[in-house]
Amino acid sequence: MDASTKSGKRSTHQWSAHEDGFLIQCCLDLKDKDGWNGDNGTFRPGYLVHLEKTMAEKIPNCQIKGTPYIQSRLKTLKSQYRLGWDDVNKCVTCDIEVWDGWVKSHPSVAGHRNKPFPYLD
């Protein structure tokens, strides 16, 4: 238990871009594994423990716990980055502010907002 938890203050973790990337990749890998996808578009129970173990294996000295760190970070990412897929028009959709933020960290996607990808399911 760290000092901030002992003192009654909320524990925090400052996520790096490297950790965010691993978390997102781990979620994508988990989505593709049999048995982890729920019926309603979420993961089945136990996914936080699995993500915690996977990240600990991939990142040296990783102390990121499923609850509260991973759970909180996923909630934050969902609210901040509302990139969506428009299945009718076959394109990525989102607010311009969200897109501009995404392009800053991924410059190669700059021209792809609202651009149709007709062969991508």
PDB file of N, CA and C in Angstrom:
ATOM      1  N   MET A   1       0.849  -1.176   0.000  1.00  0.00           N
ATOM      2  CA  MET A   1       0.000   0.000   0.000  1.00  0.00           C
ATOM      3  C   MET A   1       0.897   1.243   0.000  1.00  0.00           C
ATOM      4  N   ASP A   2       0.646   2.177  -0.869  1.00  0.00           N
ATOM      5  CA  ASP A   2       1.488   3.370  -0.920  1.00  0.00           C
ATOM      6  C   ASP A   2       1.035   4.404   0.108  1.00  0.00           C
ATOM      7  N   ALA A   3       1.860   5.417   0.295  1.00  0.00           N
ATOM      8  CA  ALA A   3       1.600   6.419   1.331  1.00  0.00           C
ATOM      9  C   ALA A   3       0.307   7.173   1.104  1.00  0.00           C
ATOM     10  N   SER A   4      -0.027   7.436  -0.154  1.00  0.00           N
ATOM     11  CA  SER A   4      -1.249   8.202  -0.411  1.00  0.00           C
ATOM     12  C   SER A   4      -2.499   7.416  -0.027  1.00  0.00           C
ATOM     13  N   THR A   5      -2.441   6.089  -0.148  1.00  0.00           N
ATOM     14  CA  THR A   5      -3.580   5.261   0.233  1.00  0.00           C
ATOM     15  C   THR A   5      -3.696   5.186   1.748  1.00  0.00           C
ATOM     16  N   LYS A   6      -2.560   5.082   2.459  1.00  0.00           N
ATOM     17  CA  LYS A   6      -2.561   5.013   3.916  1.00  0.00           C
ATOM     18  C   LYS A   6      -3.107   6.284   4.537  1.00  0.00           C
ATOM     19  N   SER A   7      -2.831   7.421   3.928  1.00  0.00           N
ATOM     20  CA  SER A   7      -3.255   8.702   4.497  1.00  0.00           C
ATOM     21  C   SER A   7      -4.715   9.016   4.188  1.00  0.00           C
ATOM     22  N   GLY A   8      -5.371   8.157   3.429  1.00  0.00           N
ATOM     23  CA  GLY A   8      -6.774   8.380   3.105  1.00  0.00           C
ATOM     24  C   GLY A   8      -6.991   9.180   1.831  1.00  0.00           C
ATOM     25  N   LYS A   9      -5.911   9.679   1.240  1.00  0.00           N
ATOM     26  CA  LYS A   9      -6.034  10.419  -0.018  1.00  0.00           C
ATOM     27  C   LYS A   9      -6.208   9.435  -1.159  1.00  0.00           C
ATOM     28  N   ARG A  10      -6.808   9.900  -2.193  1.00  0.00           N
ATOM     29  CA  ARG A  10      -7.014   9.070  -3.376  1.00  0.00           C
ATOM     30  C   ARG A  10      -5.670   8.799  -4.047  1.00  0.00           C
ATOM     31  N   SER A  11      -5.418   7.537  -4.359  1.00  0.00           N
ATOM     32  CA  SER A  11      -4.175   7.200  -5.043  1.00  0.00           C
ATOM     33  C   SER A  11      -4.300   7.562  -6.522  1.00  0.00           C
ATOM     34  N   THR A  12      -3.199   7.970  -7.101  1.00  0.00           N
ATOM     35  CA  THR A  12      -3.208   8.372  -8.506  1.00  0.00           C
ATOM     36  C   THR A  12      -2.058   7.711  -9.250  1.00  0.00           C
ATOM     37  N   HIS A  13      -2.195   7.667 -10.531  1.00  0.00           N
ATOM     38  CA  HIS A  13      -1.130   7.175 -11.397  1.00  0.00           C
ATOM     39  C   HIS A  13      -1.103   8.081 -12.620  1.00  0.00           C
ATOM     40  N   GLN A  14       0.047   8.600 -12.952  1.00  0.00           N
ATOM     41  CA  GLN A  14       0.203   9.425 -14.143  1.00  0.00           C
ATOM     42  C   GLN A  14       0.536   8.505 -15.315  1.00  0.00           C
ATOM     43  N   TRP A  15      -0.407   8.368 -16.226  1.00  0.00           N
ATOM     44  CA  TRP A  15      -0.232   7.475 -17.360  1.00  0.00           C
ATOM     45  C   TRP A  15       0.671   8.095 -18.414  1.00  0.00           C
ATOM     46  N   SER A  16       1.629   7.333 -18.900  1.00  0.00           N
ATOM     47  CA  SER A  16       2.488   7.791 -19.995  1.00  0.00           C
ATOM     48  C   SER A  16       1.850   7.363 -21.322  1.00  0.00           C
ATOM     49  N   ALA A  17       2.302   7.965 -22.397  1.00  0.00           N
ATOM     50  CA  ALA A  17       1.803   7.589 -23.719  1.00  0.00           C
ATOM     51  C   ALA A  17       2.138   6.129 -24.009  1.00  0.00           C
ATOM     52  N   HIS A  18       3.289   5.685 -23.539  1.00  0.00           N
ATOM     53  CA  HIS A  18       3.720   4.297 -23.707  1.00  0.00           C
ATOM     54  C   HIS A  18       2.747   3.339 -23.007  1.00  0.00           C
ATOM     55  N   GLU A  19       2.364   3.664 -21.785  1.00  0.00           N
ATOM     56  CA  GLU A  19       1.417   2.838 -21.031  1.00  0.00           C
ATOM     57  C   GLU A  19       0.031   2.855 -21.669  1.00  0.00           C
ATOM     58  N   ASP A  20      -0.398   4.036 -22.123  1.00  0.00           N
ATOM     59  CA  ASP A  20      -1.685   4.131 -22.823  1.00  0.00           C
ATOM     60  C   ASP A  20      -1.696   3.229 -24.054  1.00  0.00           C
ATOM     61  N   GLY A  21      -0.612   3.264 -24.811  1.00  0.00           N
ATOM     62  CA  GLY A  21      -0.511   2.432 -26.004  1.00  0.00           C
ATOM     63  C   GLY A  21      -0.599   0.961 -25.671  1.00  0.00           C
ATOM     64  N   PHE A  22       0.103   0.548 -24.613  1.00  0.00           N
ATOM     65  CA  PHE A  22       0.033  -0.851 -24.189  1.00  0.00           C
ATOM     66  C   PHE A  22      -1.360  -1.221 -23.722  1.00  0.00           C
ATOM     67  N   LEU A  23      -1.997  -0.344 -22.978  1.00  0.00           N
ATOM     68  CA  LEU A  23      -3.343  -0.622 -22.482  1.00  0.00           C
ATOM     69  C   LEU A  23      -4.312  -0.814 -23.648  1.00  0.00           C
ATOM     70  N   ILE A  24      -4.251   0.071 -24.615  1.00  0.00           N
ATOM     71  CA  ILE A  24      -5.138  -0.030 -25.771  1.00  0.00           C
ATOM     72  C   ILE A  24      -4.855  -1.305 -26.561  1.00  0.00           C
ATOM     73  N   GLN A  25      -3.568  -1.620 -26.750  1.00  0.00           N
ATOM     74  CA  GLN A  25      -3.222  -2.842 -27.473  1.00  0.00           C
ATOM     75  C   GLN A  25      -3.684  -4.077 -26.711  1.00  0.00           C
ATOM     76  N   CYS A  26      -3.541  -4.073 -25.403  1.00  0.00           N
ATOM     77  CA  CYS A  26      -3.996  -5.199 -24.584  1.00  0.00           C
ATOM     78  C   CYS A  26      -5.516  -5.361 -24.686  1.00  0.00           C
ATOM     79  N   CYS A  27      -6.235  -4.247 -24.710  1.00  0.00           N
ATOM     80  CA  CYS A  27      -7.694  -4.317 -24.863  1.00  0.00           C
ATOM     81  C   CYS A  27      -8.074  -4.880 -26.229  1.00  0.00           C
ATOM     82  N   LEU A  28      -7.370  -4.465 -27.264  1.00  0.00           N
ATOM     83  CA  LEU A  28      -7.645  -4.982 -28.605  1.00  0.00           C
ATOM     84  C   LEU A  28      -7.336  -6.475 -28.676  1.00  0.00           C
ATOM     85  N   ASP A  29      -6.216  -6.889 -28.062  1.00  0.00           N
ATOM     86  CA  ASP A  29      -5.870  -8.304 -28.039  1.00  0.00           C
ATOM     87  C   ASP A  29      -6.919  -9.100 -27.267  1.00  0.00           C
ATOM     88  N   LEU A  30      -7.387  -8.544 -26.156  1.00  0.00           N
ATOM     89  CA  LEU A  30      -8.391  -9.210 -25.338  1.00  0.00           C
ATOM     90  C   LEU A  30      -9.712  -9.347 -26.093  1.00  0.00           C
ATOM     91  N   LYS A  31     -10.039  -8.342 -26.865  1.00  0.00           N
ATOM     92  CA  LYS A  31     -11.265  -8.364 -27.666  1.00  0.00           C
ATOM     93  C   LYS A  31     -11.230  -9.512 -28.673  1.00  0.00           C
ATOM     94  N   ASP A  32     -10.052  -9.796 -29.204  1.00  0.00           N
ATOM     95  CA  ASP A  32      -9.917 -10.842 -30.214  1.00  0.00           C
ATOM     96  C   ASP A  32      -9.843 -12.255 -29.627  1.00  0.00           C
ATOM     97  N   LYS A  33      -9.613 -12.361 -28.305  1.00  0.00           N
ATOM     98  CA  LYS A  33      -9.522 -13.679 -27.679  1.00  0.00           C
ATOM     99  C   LYS A  33     -10.915 -14.248 -27.447  1.00  0.00           C
ATOM    100  N   ASP A  34     -11.027 -15.536 -27.620  1.00  0.00           N
ATOM    101  CA  ASP A  34     -12.299 -16.214 -27.378  1.00  0.00           C
ATOM    102  C   ASP A  34     -12.692 -16.118 -25.913  1.00  0.00           C
ATOM    103  N   GLY A  35     -13.953 -15.855 -25.681  1.00  0.00           N
ATOM    104  CA  GLY A  35     -14.483 -15.864 -24.330  1.00  0.00           C
ATOM    105  C   GLY A  35     -14.432 -14.551 -23.575  1.00  0.00           C
ATOM    106  N   TRP A  36     -13.767 -13.531 -24.085  1.00  0.00           N
ATOM    107  CA  TRP A  36     -13.665 -12.276 -23.345  1.00  0.00           C
ATOM    108  C   TRP A  36     -14.679 -11.232 -23.786  1.00  0.00           C
ATOM    109  N   ASN A  37     -15.195 -11.342 -24.988  1.00  0.00           N
ATOM    110  CA  ASN A  37     -16.189 -10.377 -25.464  1.00  0.00           C
ATOM    111  C   ASN A  37     -17.553 -10.696 -24.866  1.00  0.00           C
ATOM    112  N   GLY A  38     -18.164  -9.702 -24.242  1.00  0.00           N
ATOM    113  CA  GLY A  38     -19.505  -9.874 -23.710  1.00  0.00           C
ATOM    114  C   GLY A  38     -20.544  -9.698 -24.794  1.00  0.00           C
ATOM    115  N   ASP A  39     -21.766 -10.004 -24.469  1.00  0.00           N
ATOM    116  CA  ASP A  39     -22.849  -9.893 -25.438  1.00  0.00           C
ATOM    117  C   ASP A  39     -23.242  -8.451 -25.728  1.00  0.00           C
ATOM    118  N   ASN A  40     -22.931  -7.547 -24.818  1.00  0.00           N
ATOM    119  CA  ASN A  40     -23.365  -6.162 -24.963  1.00  0.00           C
ATOM    120  C   ASN A  40     -22.242  -5.209 -25.362  1.00  0.00           C
ATOM    121  N   GLY A  41     -21.166  -5.725 -25.940  1.00  0.00           N
ATOM    122  CA  GLY A  41     -20.080  -4.866 -26.392  1.00  0.00           C
ATOM    123  C   GLY A  41     -19.054  -4.544 -25.327  1.00  0.00           C
ATOM    124  N   THR A  42     -19.148  -5.174 -24.168  1.00  0.00           N
ATOM    125  CA  THR A  42     -18.164  -4.972 -23.111  1.00  0.00           C
ATOM    126  C   THR A  42     -17.412  -6.282 -22.884  1.00  0.00           C
ATOM    127  N   PHE A  43     -16.418  -6.238 -22.007  1.00  0.00           N
ATOM    128  CA  PHE A  43     -15.678  -7.448 -21.670  1.00  0.00           C
ATOM    129  C   PHE A  43     -16.403  -8.215 -20.572  1.00  0.00           C
ATOM    130  N   ARG A  44     -16.138  -9.487 -20.517  1.00  0.00           N
ATOM    131  CA  ARG A  44     -16.706 -10.339 -19.465  1.00  0.00           C
ATOM    132  C   ARG A  44     -16.014 -10.045 -18.131  1.00  0.00           C
ATOM    133  N   PRO A  45     -16.648 -10.429 -17.008  1.00  0.00           N
ATOM    134  CA  PRO A  45     -16.036 -10.211 -15.690  1.00  0.00           C
ATOM    135  C   PRO A  45     -14.643 -10.838 -15.609  1.00  0.00           C
ATOM    136  N   GLY A  46     -13.748 -10.149 -14.911  1.00  0.00           N
ATOM    137  CA  GLY A  46     -12.377 -10.611 -14.748  1.00  0.00           C
ATOM    138  C   GLY A  46     -11.405  -9.975 -15.715  1.00  0.00           C
ATOM    139  N   TYR A  47     -11.909  -9.137 -16.615  1.00  0.00           N
ATOM    140  CA  TYR A  47     -11.023  -8.560 -17.632  1.00  0.00           C
ATOM    141  C   TYR A  47      -9.977  -7.619 -17.030  1.00  0.00           C
ATOM    142  N   LEU A  48     -10.314  -6.930 -15.936  1.00  0.00           N
ATOM    143  CA  LEU A  48      -9.346  -6.010 -15.322  1.00  0.00           C
ATOM    144  C   LEU A  48      -8.143  -6.769 -14.755  1.00  0.00           C
ATOM    145  N   VAL A  49      -8.393  -7.913 -14.132  1.00  0.00           N
ATOM    146  CA  VAL A  49      -7.305  -8.737 -13.605  1.00  0.00           C
ATOM    147  C   VAL A  49      -6.434  -9.231 -14.760  1.00  0.00           C
ATOM    148  N   HIS A  50      -7.070  -9.647 -15.841  1.00  0.00           N
ATOM    149  CA  HIS A  50      -6.324 -10.121 -17.006  1.00  0.00           C
ATOM    150  C   HIS A  50      -5.469  -8.988 -17.606  1.00  0.00           C
ATOM    151  N   LEU A  51      -6.051  -7.795 -17.740  1.00  0.00           N
ATOM    152  CA  LEU A  51      -5.288  -6.661 -18.279  1.00  0.00           C
ATOM    153  C   LEU A  51      -4.122  -6.306 -17.358  1.00  0.00           C
ATOM    154  N   GLU A  52      -4.363  -6.345 -16.050  1.00  0.00           N
ATOM    155  CA  GLU A  52      -3.307  -6.049 -15.076  1.00  0.00           C
ATOM    156  C   GLU A  52      -2.139  -7.024 -15.243  1.00  0.00           C
ATOM    157  N   LYS A  53      -2.430  -8.308 -15.335  1.00  0.00           N
ATOM    158  CA  LYS A  53      -1.384  -9.325 -15.504  1.00  0.00           C
ATOM    159  C   LYS A  53      -0.654  -9.156 -16.829  1.00  0.00           C
ATOM    160  N   THR A  54      -1.390  -8.887 -17.887  1.00  0.00           N
ATOM    161  CA  THR A  54      -0.783  -8.731 -19.210  1.00  0.00           C
ATOM    162  C   THR A  54       0.145  -7.530 -19.237  1.00  0.00           C
ATOM    163  N   MET A  55      -0.284  -6.421 -18.653  1.00  0.00           N
ATOM    164  CA  MET A  55       0.564  -5.226 -18.631  1.00  0.00           C
ATOM    165  C   MET A  55       1.802  -5.452 -17.768  1.00  0.00           C
ATOM    166  N   ALA A  56       1.654  -6.191 -16.665  1.00  0.00           N
ATOM    167  CA  ALA A  56       2.797  -6.481 -15.799  1.00  0.00           C
ATOM    168  C   ALA A  56       3.841  -7.325 -16.531  1.00  0.00           C
ATOM    169  N   GLU A  57       3.382  -8.195 -17.423  1.00  0.00           N
ATOM    170  CA  GLU A  57       4.298  -9.018 -18.211  1.00  0.00           C
ATOM    171  C   GLU A  57       5.012  -8.204 -19.280  1.00  0.00           C
ATOM    172  N   LYS A  58       4.342  -7.208 -19.822  1.00  0.00           N
ATOM    173  CA  LYS A  58       4.878  -6.445 -20.958  1.00  0.00           C
ATOM    174  C   LYS A  58       5.718  -5.230 -20.545  1.00  0.00           C
ATOM    175  N   ILE A  59       5.408  -4.652 -19.386  1.00  0.00           N
ATOM    176  CA  ILE A  59       6.101  -3.433 -18.947  1.00  0.00           C
ATOM    177  C   ILE A  59       6.900  -3.752 -17.687  1.00  0.00           C
ATOM    178  N   PRO A  60       8.230  -3.615 -17.723  1.00  0.00           N
ATOM    179  CA  PRO A  60       9.048  -3.897 -16.549  1.00  0.00           C
ATOM    180  C   PRO A  60       8.657  -3.012 -15.350  1.00  0.00           C
ATOM    181  N   ASN A  61       8.614  -3.601 -14.173  1.00  0.00           N
ATOM    182  CA  ASN A  61       8.296  -2.902 -12.917  1.00  0.00           C
ATOM    183  C   ASN A  61       6.932  -2.225 -12.933  1.00  0.00           C
ATOM    184  N   CYS A  62       6.017  -2.766 -13.684  1.00  0.00           N
ATOM    185  CA  CYS A  62       4.681  -2.180 -13.793  1.00  0.00           C
ATOM    186  C   CYS A  62       3.904  -2.426 -12.496  1.00  0.00           C
ATOM    187  N   GLN A  63       3.369  -1.378 -11.915  1.00  0.00           N
ATOM    188  CA  GLN A  63       2.602  -1.449 -10.677  1.00  0.00           C
ATOM    189  C   GLN A  63       1.147  -1.045 -10.905  1.00  0.00           C
ATOM    190  N   ILE A  64       0.710  -1.062 -12.139  1.00  0.00           N
ATOM    191  CA  ILE A  64      -0.633  -0.603 -12.475  1.00  0.00           C
ATOM    192  C   ILE A  64      -1.645  -1.690 -12.124  1.00  0.00           C
ATOM    193  N   LYS A  65      -2.561  -1.377 -11.242  1.00  0.00           N
ATOM    194  CA  LYS A  65      -3.585  -2.321 -10.795  1.00  0.00           C
ATOM    195  C   LYS A  65      -4.848  -2.147 -11.635  1.00  0.00           C
ATOM    196  N   GLY A  66      -5.590  -3.235 -11.765  1.00  0.00           N
ATOM    197  CA  GLY A  66      -6.840  -3.195 -12.518  1.00  0.00           C
ATOM    198  C   GLY A  66      -7.830  -2.209 -11.925  1.00  0.00           C
ATOM    199  N   THR A  67      -7.973  -2.299 -10.597  1.00  0.00           N
ATOM    200  CA  THR A  67      -8.825  -1.361  -9.879  1.00  0.00           C
ATOM    201  C   THR A  67      -7.946  -0.616  -8.899  1.00  0.00           C
ATOM    202  N   PRO A  68      -7.855   0.664  -8.935  1.00  0.00           N
ATOM    203  CA  PRO A  68      -8.657   1.613  -9.681  1.00  0.00           C
ATOM    204  C   PRO A  68      -8.021   2.104 -10.976  1.00  0.00           C
ATOM    205  N   TYR A  69      -6.730   1.821 -11.206  1.00  0.00           N
ATOM    206  CA  TYR A  69      -5.989   2.492 -12.278  1.00  0.00           C
ATOM    207  C   TYR A  69      -6.499   2.191 -13.685  1.00  0.00           C
ATOM    208  N   ILE A  70      -6.526   0.910 -14.056  1.00  0.00           N
ATOM    209  CA  ILE A  70      -6.939   0.563 -15.416  1.00  0.00           C
ATOM    210  C   ILE A  70      -8.406   0.912 -15.637  1.00  0.00           C
ATOM    211  N   GLN A  71      -9.225   0.598 -14.673  1.00  0.00           N
ATOM    212  CA  GLN A  71     -10.654   0.896 -14.777  1.00  0.00           C
ATOM    213  C   GLN A  71     -10.888   2.396 -14.980  1.00  0.00           C
ATOM    214  N   SER A  72     -10.188   3.208 -14.203  1.00  0.00           N
ATOM    215  CA  SER A  72     -10.328   4.657 -14.310  1.00  0.00           C
ATOM    216  C   SER A  72      -9.803   5.176 -15.642  1.00  0.00           C
ATOM    217  N   ARG A  73      -8.658   4.622 -16.086  1.00  0.00           N
ATOM    218  CA  ARG A  73      -8.066   5.093 -17.335  1.00  0.00           C
ATOM    219  C   ARG A  73      -8.960   4.760 -18.526  1.00  0.00           C
ATOM    220  N   LEU A  74      -9.545   3.574 -18.527  1.00  0.00           N
ATOM    221  CA  LEU A  74     -10.444   3.210 -19.624  1.00  0.00           C
ATOM    222  C   LEU A  74     -11.650   4.133 -19.669  1.00  0.00           C
ATOM    223  N   LYS A  75     -12.168   4.486 -18.507  1.00  0.00           N
ATOM    224  CA  LYS A  75     -13.302   5.411 -18.446  1.00  0.00           C
ATOM    225  C   LYS A  75     -12.902   6.780 -19.002  1.00  0.00           C
ATOM    226  N   THR A  76     -11.711   7.241 -18.621  1.00  0.00           N
ATOM    227  CA  THR A  76     -11.213   8.540 -19.110  1.00  0.00           C
ATOM    228  C   THR A  76     -11.010   8.509 -20.618  1.00  0.00           C
ATOM    229  N   LEU A  77     -10.380   7.458 -21.120  1.00  0.00           N
ATOM    230  CA  LEU A  77     -10.133   7.364 -22.561  1.00  0.00           C
ATOM    231  C   LEU A  77     -11.434   7.332 -23.352  1.00  0.00           C
ATOM    232  N   LYS A  78     -12.417   6.614 -22.842  1.00  0.00           N
ATOM    233  CA  LYS A  78     -13.709   6.557 -23.530  1.00  0.00           C
ATOM    234  C   LYS A  78     -14.361   7.929 -23.610  1.00  0.00           C
ATOM    235  N   SER A  79     -14.240   8.711 -22.532  1.00  0.00           N
ATOM    236  CA  SER A  79     -14.879  10.028 -22.538  1.00  0.00           C
ATOM    237  C   SER A  79     -14.100  11.049 -23.356  1.00  0.00           C
ATOM    238  N   GLN A  80     -12.768  10.932 -23.385  1.00  0.00           N
ATOM    239  CA  GLN A  80     -11.945  11.910 -24.093  1.00  0.00           C
ATOM    240  C   GLN A  80     -11.859  11.651 -25.589  1.00  0.00           C
ATOM    241  N   TYR A  81     -11.792  10.390 -25.966  1.00  0.00           N
ATOM    242  CA  TYR A  81     -11.553  10.048 -27.360  1.00  0.00           C
ATOM    243  C   TYR A  81     -12.746   9.305 -27.910  1.00  0.00           C
ATOM    244  N   ARG A  82     -13.704  10.035 -28.327  1.00  0.00           N
ATOM    245  CA  ARG A  82     -14.913   9.428 -28.859  1.00  0.00           C
ATOM    246  C   ARG A  82     -14.817   9.268 -30.360  1.00  0.00           C
ATOM    247  N   LEU A  83     -13.788   8.551 -30.771  1.00  0.00           N
ATOM    248  CA  LEU A  83     -13.675   8.223 -32.181  1.00  0.00           C
ATOM    249  C   LEU A  83     -14.722   7.159 -32.463  1.00  0.00           C
ATOM    250  N   GLY A  84     -15.458   7.350 -33.504  1.00  0.00           N
ATOM    251  CA  GLY A  84     -16.501   6.392 -33.818  1.00  0.00           C
ATOM    252  C   GLY A  84     -16.402   5.919 -35.246  1.00  0.00           C
ATOM    253  N   TRP A  85     -17.053   4.817 -35.513  1.00  0.00           N
ATOM    254  CA  TRP A  85     -17.099   4.262 -36.856  1.00  0.00           C
ATOM    255  C   TRP A  85     -18.520   4.385 -37.362  1.00  0.00           C
ATOM    256  N   ASP A  86     -18.675   5.056 -38.473  1.00  0.00           N
ATOM    257  CA  ASP A  86     -19.973   5.191 -39.121  1.00  0.00           C
ATOM    258  C   ASP A  86     -20.102   4.037 -40.106  1.00  0.00           C
ATOM    259  N   ASP A  87     -20.897   3.035 -39.736  1.00  0.00           N
ATOM    260  CA  ASP A  87     -21.000   1.829 -40.547  1.00  0.00           C
ATOM    261  C   ASP A  87     -21.733   2.076 -41.865  1.00  0.00           C
ATOM    262  N   VAL A  88     -22.605   3.058 -41.885  1.00  0.00           N
ATOM    263  CA  VAL A  88     -23.342   3.365 -43.113  1.00  0.00           C
ATOM    264  C   VAL A  88     -22.418   3.993 -44.151  1.00  0.00           C
ATOM    265  N   ASN A  89     -21.650   5.004 -43.718  1.00  0.00           N
ATOM    266  CA  ASN A  89     -20.744   5.706 -44.633  1.00  0.00           C
ATOM    267  C   ASN A  89     -19.342   5.109 -44.670  1.00  0.00           C
ATOM    268  N   LYS A  90     -19.083   4.106 -43.821  1.00  0.00           N
ATOM    269  CA  LYS A  90     -17.781   3.425 -43.749  1.00  0.00           C
ATOM    270  C   LYS A  90     -16.636   4.405 -43.542  1.00  0.00           C
ATOM    271  N   CYS A  91     -16.751   5.215 -42.454  1.00  0.00           N
ATOM    272  CA  CYS A  91     -15.696   6.178 -42.170  1.00  0.00           C
ATOM    273  C   CYS A  91     -15.600   6.432 -40.664  1.00  0.00           C
ATOM    274  N   VAL A  92     -14.468   7.013 -40.247  1.00  0.00           N
ATOM    275  CA  VAL A  92     -14.259   7.405 -38.856  1.00  0.00           C
ATOM    276  C   VAL A  92     -14.914   8.763 -38.658  1.00  0.00           C
ATOM    277  N   THR A  93     -15.686   8.879 -37.578  1.00  0.00           N
ATOM    278  CA  THR A  93     -16.346  10.146 -37.269  1.00  0.00           C
ATOM    279  C   THR A  93     -16.007  10.570 -35.840  1.00  0.00           C
ATOM    280  N   CYS A  94     -15.928  11.865 -35.616  1.00  0.00           N
ATOM    281  CA  CYS A  94     -15.726  12.407 -34.272  1.00  0.00           C
ATOM    282  C   CYS A  94     -15.748  13.934 -34.363  1.00  0.00           C
ATOM    283  N   ASP A  95     -15.740  14.566 -33.187  1.00  0.00           N
ATOM    284  CA  ASP A  95     -15.664  16.022 -33.131  1.00  0.00           C
ATOM    285  C   ASP A  95     -14.297  16.474 -33.639  1.00  0.00           C
ATOM    286  N   ILE A  96     -14.229  17.655 -34.219  1.00  0.00           N
ATOM    287  CA  ILE A  96     -12.979  18.169 -34.780  1.00  0.00           C
ATOM    288  C   ILE A  96     -11.907  18.332 -33.701  1.00  0.00           C
ATOM    289  N   GLU A  97     -12.304  18.727 -32.475  1.00  0.00           N
ATOM    290  CA  GLU A  97     -11.329  18.894 -31.390  1.00  0.00           C
ATOM    291  C   GLU A  97     -10.685  17.558 -31.039  1.00  0.00           C
ATOM    292  N   VAL A  98     -11.492  16.505 -30.980  1.00  0.00           N
ATOM    293  CA  VAL A  98     -10.981  15.168 -30.685  1.00  0.00           C
ATOM    294  C   VAL A  98     -10.048  14.715 -31.803  1.00  0.00           C
ATOM    295  N   TRP A  99     -10.465  14.955 -33.038  1.00  0.00           N
ATOM    296  CA  TRP A  99      -9.645  14.542 -34.180  1.00  0.00           C
ATOM    297  C   TRP A  99      -8.305  15.269 -34.185  1.00  0.00           C
ATOM    298  N   ASP A 100      -8.320  16.570 -33.942  1.00  0.00           N
ATOM    299  CA  ASP A 100      -7.072  17.344 -33.926  1.00  0.00           C
ATOM    300  C   ASP A 100      -6.112  16.822 -32.869  1.00  0.00           C
ATOM    301  N   GLY A 101      -6.638  16.461 -31.700  1.00  0.00           N
ATOM    302  CA  GLY A 101      -5.802  15.883 -30.650  1.00  0.00           C
ATOM    303  C   GLY A 101      -5.213  14.546 -31.064  1.00  0.00           C
ATOM    304  N   TRP A 102      -6.017  13.733 -31.747  1.00  0.00           N
ATOM    305  CA  TRP A 102      -5.550  12.424 -32.216  1.00  0.00           C
ATOM    306  C   TRP A 102      -4.469  12.586 -33.280  1.00  0.00           C
ATOM    307  N   VAL A 103      -4.650  13.545 -34.171  1.00  0.00           N
ATOM    308  CA  VAL A 103      -3.684  13.763 -35.254  1.00  0.00           C
ATOM    309  C   VAL A 103      -2.340  14.234 -34.704  1.00  0.00           C
ATOM    310  N   LYS A 104      -2.345  14.983 -33.607  1.00  0.00           N
ATOM    311  CA  LYS A 104      -1.076  15.435 -33.011  1.00  0.00           C
ATOM    312  C   LYS A 104      -0.198  14.252 -32.629  1.00  0.00           C
ATOM    313  N   SER A 105      -0.793  13.190 -32.131  1.00  0.00           N
ATOM    314  CA  SER A 105      -0.005  12.020 -31.741  1.00  0.00           C
ATOM    315  C   SER A 105       0.083  10.970 -32.844  1.00  0.00           C
ATOM    316  N   HIS A 106      -0.740  11.093 -33.877  1.00  0.00           N
ATOM    317  CA  HIS A 106      -0.738  10.151 -35.000  1.00  0.00           C
ATOM    318  C   HIS A 106      -0.840  10.932 -36.314  1.00  0.00           C
ATOM    319  N   PRO A 107       0.224  11.652 -36.707  1.00  0.00           N
ATOM    320  CA  PRO A 107       0.163  12.533 -37.883  1.00  0.00           C
ATOM    321  C   PRO A 107      -0.199  11.836 -39.189  1.00  0.00           C
ATOM    322  N   SER A 108       0.067  10.555 -39.299  1.00  0.00           N
ATOM    323  CA  SER A 108      -0.197   9.867 -40.566  1.00  0.00           C
ATOM    324  C   SER A 108      -1.686   9.708 -40.863  1.00  0.00           C
ATOM    325  N   VAL A 109      -2.558   9.956 -39.885  1.00  0.00           N
ATOM    326  CA  VAL A 109      -3.996   9.788 -40.111  1.00  0.00           C
ATOM    327  C   VAL A 109      -4.698  11.102 -40.448  1.00  0.00           C
ATOM    328  N   ALA A 110      -3.950  12.169 -40.618  1.00  0.00           N
ATOM    329  CA  ALA A 110      -4.513  13.512 -40.765  1.00  0.00           C
ATOM    330  C   ALA A 110      -5.624  13.618 -41.800  1.00  0.00           C
ATOM    331  N   GLY A 111      -5.504  12.970 -42.918  1.00  0.00           N
ATOM    332  CA  GLY A 111      -6.496  13.121 -43.975  1.00  0.00           C
ATOM    333  C   GLY A 111      -7.631  12.110 -43.942  1.00  0.00           C
ATOM    334  N   HIS A 112      -7.755  11.338 -42.866  1.00  0.00           N
ATOM    335  CA  HIS A 112      -8.715  10.240 -42.869  1.00  0.00           C
ATOM    336  C   HIS A 112     -10.031  10.514 -42.153  1.00  0.00           C
ATOM    337  N   ARG A 113     -10.199  11.666 -41.545  1.00  0.00           N
ATOM    338  CA  ARG A 113     -11.460  11.972 -40.868  1.00  0.00           C
ATOM    339  C   ARG A 113     -12.574  12.105 -41.903  1.00  0.00           C
ATOM    340  N   ASN A 114     -13.640  11.387 -41.691  1.00  0.00           N
ATOM    341  CA  ASN A 114     -14.821  11.371 -42.576  1.00  0.00           C
ATOM    342  C   ASN A 114     -14.502  10.906 -43.996  1.00  0.00           C
ATOM    343  N   LYS A 115     -13.352  10.275 -44.188  1.00  0.00           N
ATOM    344  CA  LYS A 115     -12.986   9.725 -45.498  1.00  0.00           C
ATOM    345  C   LYS A 115     -13.508   8.290 -45.565  1.00  0.00           C
ATOM    346  N   PRO A 116     -14.291   7.946 -46.564  1.00  0.00           N
ATOM    347  CA  PRO A 116     -14.863   6.599 -46.652  1.00  0.00           C
ATOM    348  C   PRO A 116     -13.808   5.524 -46.906  1.00  0.00           C
ATOM    349  N   PHE A 117     -13.993   4.399 -46.218  1.00  0.00           N
ATOM    350  CA  PHE A 117     -13.220   3.188 -46.441  1.00  0.00           C
ATOM    351  C   PHE A 117     -14.229   2.103 -46.831  1.00  0.00           C
ATOM    352  N   PRO A 118     -14.661   2.074 -48.084  1.00  0.00           N
ATOM    353  CA  PRO A 118     -15.780   1.218 -48.481  1.00  0.00           C
ATOM    354  C   PRO A 118     -15.539  -0.278 -48.327  1.00  0.00           C
ATOM    355  N   TYR A 119     -14.293  -0.716 -48.279  1.00  0.00           N
ATOM    356  CA  TYR A 119     -14.023  -2.145 -48.199  1.00  0.00           C
ATOM    357  C   TYR A 119     -13.672  -2.608 -46.783  1.00  0.00           C
ATOM    358  N   LEU A 120     -13.728  -1.710 -45.806  1.00  0.00           N
ATOM    359  CA  LEU A 120     -13.418  -2.049 -44.429  1.00  0.00           C
ATOM    360  C   LEU A 120     -14.697  -2.343 -43.666  1.00  0.00           C
ATOM    361  N   ASP A 121     -14.777  -3.518 -43.077  1.00  0.00           N
ATOM    362  CA  ASP A 121     -15.946  -3.875 -42.277  1.00  0.00           C
ATOM    363  C   ASP A 121     -15.667  -3.640 -40.818  1.00  0.00           C
TER     364      ASP A 121
END
